[in-house]
């Protein structure tokens, strides 16, 4: 059974079209310029905060705060939950974990009090990342990620739901990869890849990089280097400096093999 799963995994990643992500910031800023002071404007601001999180954290903080201020002004609770989550992530990325935690939990509280399942799933997903990636507590991180996955499976199908679900699956896979549990990592990455292909969701540089890491750990360093180079190119196309540093470390490992 293990051999069959691995064959399916490598067959699937071999068919991936690793195209270039097109930066969304320009189109989002255009939408923002014509948006009214309403709920749609809040969602655009939150999307901009997410778009800038790996490129310019200061801009992510600014857009996230604007989203929160407007959401409070128009009493848009769902928007407040999303804005708190976006601000929490931006603070995490600049190293302010205490403030990041506070903001994420404030967003989670609003989501749970109002049965906003999608927003609750986002908060639990981010908490899983914080515990695993920032605090090195993979068990706690795994617990939060599984909560997020359970919640997100209860909401209706949509592009937004699929996008979050594949993120959670990728994060679960990354946790297992850090613990050198390649089989479990491959299992979750495979599930994420299926959602990405069915929902036409583009791969992120880190996902491409992690696929390369699995190939490397399976004894194919040259193939792994190809994935790392593709991930680096995608980082350059989107000015994603944070992810690029991670990919370069993986590429260096492959070269030393």
Protein backbone atom coordinates (compact mmCIF):
# COMPACT_ATOMS: atom_id res chain seq x y z
CA UNK A 1 0.00 0.00 0.00
CA UNK A 2 2.84 2.39 0.86
CA UNK A 3 4.45 1.76 -2.55
CA UNK A 4 1.17 2.43 -4.36
CA UNK A 5 0.70 5.72 -2.51
CA UNK A 6 4.22 6.86 -3.34
CA UNK A 7 3.74 5.97 -7.02
CA UNK A 8 0.52 8.02 -7.09
CA UNK A 9 2.27 10.91 -5.33
CA UNK A 10 5.18 11.11 -7.74
CA UNK A 11 2.91 10.61 -10.74
CA UNK A 12 0.74 13.51 -9.61
CA UNK A 13 3.55 15.98 -8.92
CA UNK A 14 5.06 15.03 -12.25
CA UNK A 15 1.93 16.36 -13.97
CA UNK A 16 1.86 19.69 -12.15
CA UNK A 17 2.15 22.75 -14.31
CA UNK A 18 4.31 25.00 -12.18
CA UNK A 19 3.19 28.23 -13.76
CA UNK A 20 3.98 31.71 -12.59
CA UNK A 21 1.72 33.37 -10.06
CA UNK A 22 0.54 36.76 -11.21
CA UNK A 23 0.84 39.44 -8.54
CA UNK A 24 -2.62 40.42 -7.32
CA UNK A 25 -1.67 43.66 -5.59
CA UNK A 26 -2.28 45.87 -8.64
CA UNK A 27 -5.78 44.52 -9.27
CA UNK A 28 -6.64 44.68 -5.57
CA UNK A 29 -5.48 48.30 -5.34
CA UNK A 30 -7.61 49.11 -8.38
CA UNK A 31 -10.63 47.50 -6.72
CA UNK A 32 -9.87 49.45 -3.54
CA UNK A 33 -9.77 52.74 -5.43
CA UNK A 34 -13.35 52.32 -6.64
CA UNK A 35 -14.79 50.49 -3.59
CA UNK A 36 -17.32 52.17 -1.33
CA UNK A 37 -16.96 52.34 2.43
CA UNK A 38 -18.73 49.02 2.82
CA UNK A 39 -18.12 45.36 3.61
CA UNK A 40 -16.54 44.75 0.22
CA UNK A 41 -13.89 47.37 0.94
CA UNK A 42 -13.05 45.61 4.21
CA UNK A 43 -12.55 42.31 2.39
CA UNK A 44 -10.34 43.96 -0.23
CA UNK A 45 -8.19 45.50 2.52
CA UNK A 46 -7.86 42.12 4.22
CA UNK A 47 -6.87 40.54 0.90
CA UNK A 48 -4.23 43.24 0.40
CA UNK A 49 -2.87 42.59 3.89
CA UNK A 50 -2.50 38.92 2.99
CA UNK A 51 -0.96 39.75 -0.37
CA UNK A 52 1.76 41.87 1.24
CA UNK A 53 2.54 39.66 4.24
CA UNK A 54 5.59 38.02 2.63
CA UNK A 55 6.63 41.05 0.59
CA UNK A 56 6.22 44.08 2.83
CA UNK A 57 4.97 43.39 6.38
CA UNK A 58 4.61 47.13 7.05
CA UNK A 59 2.10 47.39 4.22
CA UNK A 60 0.34 44.28 5.53
CA UNK A 61 0.01 45.95 8.93
CA UNK A 62 -1.31 49.16 7.37
CA UNK A 63 -3.94 47.45 5.23
CA UNK A 64 -4.95 45.16 8.09
CA UNK A 65 -5.45 48.11 10.43
CA UNK A 66 -7.48 49.98 7.82
CA UNK A 67 -9.66 46.88 7.40
CA UNK A 68 -10.20 46.60 11.15
CA UNK A 69 -11.01 50.30 11.57
CA UNK A 70 -13.60 50.24 8.79
CA UNK A 71 -15.08 46.91 9.94
CA UNK A 72 -15.61 48.38 13.41
CA UNK A 73 -17.07 51.59 11.99
CA UNK A 74 -19.71 49.75 9.94
CA UNK A 75 -20.18 46.98 12.56
CA UNK A 76 -19.04 44.24 10.17
CA UNK A 77 -18.21 41.45 12.63
CA UNK A 78 -17.09 38.94 10.04
CA UNK A 79 -14.74 41.56 8.66
CA UNK A 80 -13.41 42.27 12.14
CA UNK A 81 -12.60 38.59 12.65
CA UNK A 82 -10.71 38.48 9.36
CA UNK A 83 -8.89 41.75 10.03
CA UNK A 84 -7.77 40.62 13.49
CA UNK A 85 -6.44 37.42 11.95
CA UNK A 86 -4.58 39.31 9.21
CA UNK A 87 -3.05 41.69 11.75
CA UNK A 88 -2.10 38.77 13.97
CA UNK A 89 -0.24 37.13 11.11
CA UNK A 90 1.53 40.36 10.15
CA UNK A 91 2.72 40.82 13.74
CA UNK A 92 3.88 37.19 13.81
CA UNK A 93 5.96 37.78 10.71
CA UNK A 94 7.73 40.80 12.17
CA UNK A 95 8.49 38.86 15.36
CA UNK A 96 5.88 40.35 17.70
CA UNK A 97 4.37 37.04 18.82
CA UNK A 98 2.62 38.28 22.00
CA UNK A 99 0.66 40.89 20.05
CA UNK A 100 0.11 38.42 17.23
CA UNK A 101 -1.39 35.88 19.62
CA UNK A 102 -3.68 38.49 21.16
CA UNK A 103 -4.99 39.62 17.78
CA UNK A 104 -5.56 36.09 16.48
CA UNK A 105 -7.48 35.08 19.61
CA UNK A 106 -9.59 38.24 19.41
CA UNK A 107 -10.51 37.28 15.88
CA UNK A 108 -11.23 33.70 16.98
CA UNK A 109 -13.48 34.93 19.79
CA UNK A 110 -15.60 36.97 17.39
CA UNK A 111 -15.78 34.06 14.95
CA UNK A 112 -16.85 31.52 17.57
CA UNK A 113 -19.36 33.81 19.26
CA UNK A 114 -21.08 34.42 15.91
CA UNK A 115 -20.70 30.94 14.37
CA UNK A 116 -18.43 32.24 11.60
CA UNK A 117 -17.00 28.83 10.77
CA UNK A 118 -14.78 29.92 7.90
CA UNK A 119 -13.20 32.71 9.96
CA UNK A 120 -12.75 30.35 12.92
CA UNK A 121 -11.00 27.90 10.61
CA UNK A 122 -8.63 30.64 9.47
CA UNK A 123 -7.77 31.53 13.04
CA UNK A 124 -7.16 27.92 14.08
CA UNK A 125 -5.05 27.38 10.96
CA UNK A 126 -2.88 30.39 11.82
CA UNK A 127 -2.54 29.28 15.44
CA UNK A 128 -1.34 25.92 14.16
CA UNK A 129 1.32 27.65 12.09
CA UNK A 130 2.41 29.83 15.02
CA UNK A 131 2.85 26.90 17.38
CA UNK A 132 4.61 24.69 14.83
CA UNK A 133 6.73 27.20 12.93
CA UNK A 134 7.41 29.88 15.53
CA UNK A 135 7.35 27.97 18.80
CA UNK A 136 8.51 24.56 17.63
CA UNK A 137 5.54 22.84 19.27
CA UNK A 138 4.43 20.54 16.46
CA UNK A 139 1.99 18.59 18.63
CA UNK A 140 0.08 21.72 19.68
CA UNK A 141 0.28 23.06 16.16
CA UNK A 142 -1.06 19.79 14.79
CA UNK A 143 -3.97 19.96 17.23
CA UNK A 144 -4.98 23.44 16.08
CA UNK A 145 -4.63 22.48 12.42
CA UNK A 146 -6.88 19.45 12.91
CA UNK A 147 -9.47 21.68 14.59
CA UNK A 148 -9.28 24.00 11.60
CA UNK A 149 -9.73 21.10 9.18
CA UNK A 150 -12.72 19.73 11.09
CA UNK A 151 -14.41 23.15 11.09
CA UNK A 152 -13.75 23.92 7.43
CA UNK A 153 -15.26 20.59 6.32
CA UNK A 154 -18.63 21.69 7.75
CA UNK A 155 -19.08 24.72 5.49
CA UNK A 156 -20.53 24.74 1.95
CA UNK A 157 -18.27 24.22 -1.04
CA UNK A 158 -16.70 27.35 -2.48
CA UNK A 159 -13.38 28.53 -3.91
CA UNK A 160 -12.67 30.21 -0.57
CA UNK A 161 -13.35 27.00 1.37
CA UNK A 162 -11.17 24.92 -0.97
CA UNK A 163 -8.36 27.45 -0.76
CA UNK A 164 -8.33 27.35 3.04
CA UNK A 165 -8.70 23.57 3.17
CA UNK A 166 -5.67 23.02 0.94
CA UNK A 167 -3.69 25.50 3.07
CA UNK A 168 -4.51 23.52 6.21
CA UNK A 169 -3.55 20.25 4.53
CA UNK A 170 -0.26 21.77 3.37
CA UNK A 171 0.47 22.99 6.89
CA UNK A 172 -0.24 19.54 8.30
CA UNK A 173 2.08 18.05 5.70
CA UNK A 174 4.80 20.57 6.55
CA UNK A 175 4.60 19.62 10.21
CA UNK A 176 5.15 15.96 9.41
CA UNK A 177 7.95 16.88 7.04
CA UNK A 178 9.77 18.75 9.81
CA UNK A 179 9.55 15.58 11.90
CA UNK A 180 10.98 13.56 8.99
CA UNK A 181 7.75 11.60 8.64
CA UNK A 182 7.84 11.56 4.86
CA UNK A 183 4.92 9.17 4.33
CA UNK A 184 2.48 11.29 6.36
CA UNK A 185 3.81 14.49 4.77
CA UNK A 186 3.31 13.03 1.31
CA UNK A 187 -0.23 11.94 2.26
CA UNK A 188 -1.31 15.47 3.21
CA UNK A 189 0.50 17.13 0.31
CA UNK A 190 -1.22 14.71 -2.07
CA UNK A 191 -4.64 15.65 -0.66
CA UNK A 192 -3.77 19.34 -0.98
CA UNK A 193 -2.57 18.86 -4.55
CA UNK A 194 -5.83 17.19 -5.55
CA UNK A 195 -7.82 20.14 -4.21
CA UNK A 196 -5.50 22.60 -5.96
CA UNK A 197 -5.91 20.86 -9.29
CA UNK A 198 -9.68 20.46 -8.99
CA UNK A 199 -10.22 24.06 -7.82
CA UNK A 200 -7.52 25.54 -10.09
CA UNK A 201 -5.56 26.96 -7.17
CA UNK A 202 -1.99 27.94 -7.97
CA UNK A 203 0.88 26.42 -6.05
CA UNK A 204 2.84 28.59 -3.62
CA UNK A 205 6.67 28.68 -3.62
CA UNK A 206 6.80 26.93 -0.24
CA UNK A 207 4.52 24.13 -1.45
CA UNK A 208 6.70 23.59 -4.51
CA UNK A 209 9.74 23.65 -2.24
CA UNK A 210 8.23 21.07 0.12
CA UNK A 211 7.44 18.78 -2.79
CA UNK A 212 11.10 19.05 -3.72
CA UNK A 213 12.10 18.18 -0.17
CA UNK A 214 10.06 14.99 -0.32
CA UNK A 215 11.64 14.06 -3.65
CA UNK A 216 15.05 14.76 -2.09
CA UNK A 217 14.32 12.59 0.93
CA UNK A 218 13.27 9.81 -1.45
CA UNK A 219 16.74 9.87 -2.97
CA UNK A 220 16.31 12.14 -6.02
CA UNK A 221 18.44 15.27 -5.33
CA UNK A 222 18.61 16.44 -8.96
CA UNK A 223 14.82 16.36 -9.32
CA UNK A 224 14.53 18.15 -5.98
CA UNK A 225 16.80 20.92 -7.26
CA UNK A 226 14.47 21.44 -10.22
CA UNK A 227 11.58 22.08 -7.85
CA UNK A 228 13.67 24.46 -5.74
CA UNK A 229 14.70 26.46 -8.81
CA UNK A 230 11.09 26.73 -9.94
CA UNK A 231 10.09 27.88 -6.47
CA UNK A 232 12.84 30.51 -6.45
CA UNK A 233 11.72 31.82 -9.83
CA UNK A 234 8.17 32.13 -8.53
CA UNK A 235 9.47 34.01 -5.48
CA UNK A 236 11.30 36.44 -7.78
CA UNK A 237 8.19 36.97 -9.89
CA UNK A 238 6.18 37.92 -6.81
CA UNK A 239 8.94 39.62 -4.76
CA UNK A 240 8.38 37.01 -2.04
CA UNK A 241 11.68 37.45 -0.21
CA UNK A 242 10.64 35.57 2.91
CA UNK A 243 9.79 32.38 1.04
CA UNK A 244 12.87 32.77 -1.17
CA UNK A 245 15.18 32.51 1.84
CA UNK A 246 13.54 29.20 2.81
CA UNK A 247 13.86 27.83 -0.72
CA UNK A 248 17.52 28.82 -0.98
CA UNK A 249 18.25 26.82 2.17
CA UNK A 250 16.63 23.77 0.60
CA UNK A 251 18.54 24.27 -2.63
CA UNK A 252 21.81 24.45 -0.71
CA UNK A 253 20.96 21.15 0.98
CA UNK A 254 20.28 19.51 -2.38
CA UNK A 255 23.57 20.76 -3.81
CA UNK A 256 25.53 19.34 -0.88
CA UNK A 257 24.00 15.88 -1.36
